[in-house]
Amino acid sequence: MERLGIEAAEAWMAGDDLVWDIQAAQKAGVRAIWVDLERKGLAEDAKILPDRITHSLKELVEVVIENRFLELRRNNTEEWRKDHG
C-alpha cells in the first residue's frame, strides 16, 4: 500500500479464506470482501465478519466497480463543495 500511496482505509482485500484473507486484512485496517465461491455462507456464530460477501468473480468485479464509482462520486462532491462553498 505504501508503494501505491494509499492508506489501509482506502484499500480492499478480496479472498476466499476467512482467516488468512479476511481476518488478516481487517486486522491491518483494510476492508475485506469474502469470495464465497462454494456458497457456504457464514456460520451463525461467526467471529470473522467480512465487509462484503460475493459468490463469484464476476460479482467481485461488480462490487469493486461499484465502490470505485461511489468513491469518485464522493470525491467529486467534496471538491464541488470546496469550490462552491
Protein backbone atom coordinates (compact mmCIF):
# COMPACT_ATOMS: atom_id res chain seq x y z
CA MET A 1 0.00 0.00 0.00
CA GLU A 2 2.87 2.31 0.77
CA ARG A 3 4.27 1.97 -2.75
CA LEU A 4 0.81 2.70 -4.16
CA GLY A 5 0.49 5.75 -1.96
CA ILE A 6 -2.74 4.69 -0.30
CA GLU A 7 -3.83 4.23 3.29
CA ALA A 8 -5.21 0.96 4.64
CA ALA A 9 -8.69 2.51 4.93
CA GLU A 10 -8.69 3.14 1.16
CA ALA A 11 -7.83 -0.45 0.26
CA TRP A 12 -9.87 -3.60 -0.17
CA MET A 13 -8.74 -7.22 0.13
CA ALA A 14 -10.65 -10.00 -1.60
CA GLY A 15 -10.14 -13.62 -0.73
CA ASP A 16 -11.77 -16.95 -0.16
CA ASP A 17 -10.30 -17.80 3.26
CA LEU A 18 -11.94 -16.16 6.24
CA VAL A 19 -8.87 -16.36 8.47
CA TRP A 20 -5.94 -15.86 6.12
CA ASP A 21 -7.59 -13.34 3.81
CA ILE A 22 -10.45 -11.61 5.60
CA GLN A 23 -9.34 -11.53 9.23
CA ALA A 24 -5.74 -10.68 8.30
CA ALA A 25 -6.87 -7.79 6.12
CA GLN A 26 -9.22 -6.41 8.75
CA LYS A 27 -6.50 -6.59 11.42
CA ALA A 28 -4.38 -4.42 9.11
CA GLY A 29 -7.23 -1.90 8.79
CA VAL A 30 -8.17 -2.98 5.26
CA ARG A 31 -11.78 -3.64 4.27
CA ALA A 32 -12.35 -7.22 3.20
CA ILE A 33 -14.54 -8.99 0.66
CA TRP A 34 -15.08 -12.70 1.17
CA VAL A 35 -15.46 -14.56 -2.12
CA ASP A 36 -17.70 -17.46 -1.05
CA LEU A 37 -17.46 -19.48 -4.26
CA GLU A 38 -18.87 -22.58 -2.59
CA ARG A 39 -21.83 -20.59 -1.21
CA LYS A 40 -21.28 -21.98 2.29
CA GLY A 41 -22.36 -18.77 3.94
CA LEU A 42 -21.19 -17.61 7.33
CA ALA A 43 -21.78 -19.73 10.39
CA GLU A 44 -24.36 -18.27 12.78
CA ASP A 45 -21.66 -17.83 15.41
CA ALA A 46 -19.04 -16.50 13.00
CA LYS A 47 -16.45 -14.33 14.72
CA ILE A 48 -14.99 -13.07 11.43
CA LEU A 49 -17.41 -10.83 9.56
CA PRO A 50 -16.36 -9.65 6.10
CA ASP A 51 -17.30 -6.16 4.96
CA ARG A 52 -18.85 -7.64 1.81
CA ILE A 53 -19.60 -11.13 0.52
CA THR A 54 -19.64 -12.17 -3.11
CA HIS A 55 -20.27 -15.56 -4.67
CA SER A 56 -18.42 -15.26 -7.97
CA LEU A 57 -15.51 -13.43 -9.55
CA LYS A 58 -17.99 -11.58 -11.77
CA GLU A 59 -19.83 -10.35 -8.70
CA LEU A 60 -16.49 -9.36 -7.13
CA VAL A 61 -15.64 -7.20 -10.15
CA GLU A 62 -19.08 -5.57 -9.95
CA VAL A 63 -18.51 -4.74 -6.25
CA VAL A 64 -15.10 -3.23 -7.00
CA ILE A 65 -16.53 -1.11 -9.83
CA GLU A 66 -19.46 -0.01 -7.65
CA ASN A 67 -17.17 1.01 -4.79
CA ARG A 68 -14.82 2.86 -7.13
CA PHE A 69 -17.78 4.75 -8.62
CA LEU A 70 -19.05 5.71 -5.16
CA GLU A 71 -15.56 6.83 -4.14
CA LEU A 72 -15.19 9.00 -7.24
CA ARG A 73 -18.66 10.46 -6.72
CA ARG A 74 -17.89 11.25 -3.07
CA ASN A 75 -14.56 12.88 -4.00
CA ASN A 76 -16.18 14.95 -6.75
CA THR A 77 -18.93 16.08 -4.36
CA GLU A 78 -16.36 17.13 -1.76
CA GLU A 79 -14.37 19.06 -4.38
CA TRP A 80 -17.52 20.77 -5.65
CA ARG A 81 -18.45 21.81 -2.11
CA LYS A 82 -14.98 23.28 -1.56
CA ASP A 83 -15.23 25.26 -4.81
CA HIS A 84 -18.82 26.42 -4.29
CA GLY A 85 -18.96 26.79 -0.51
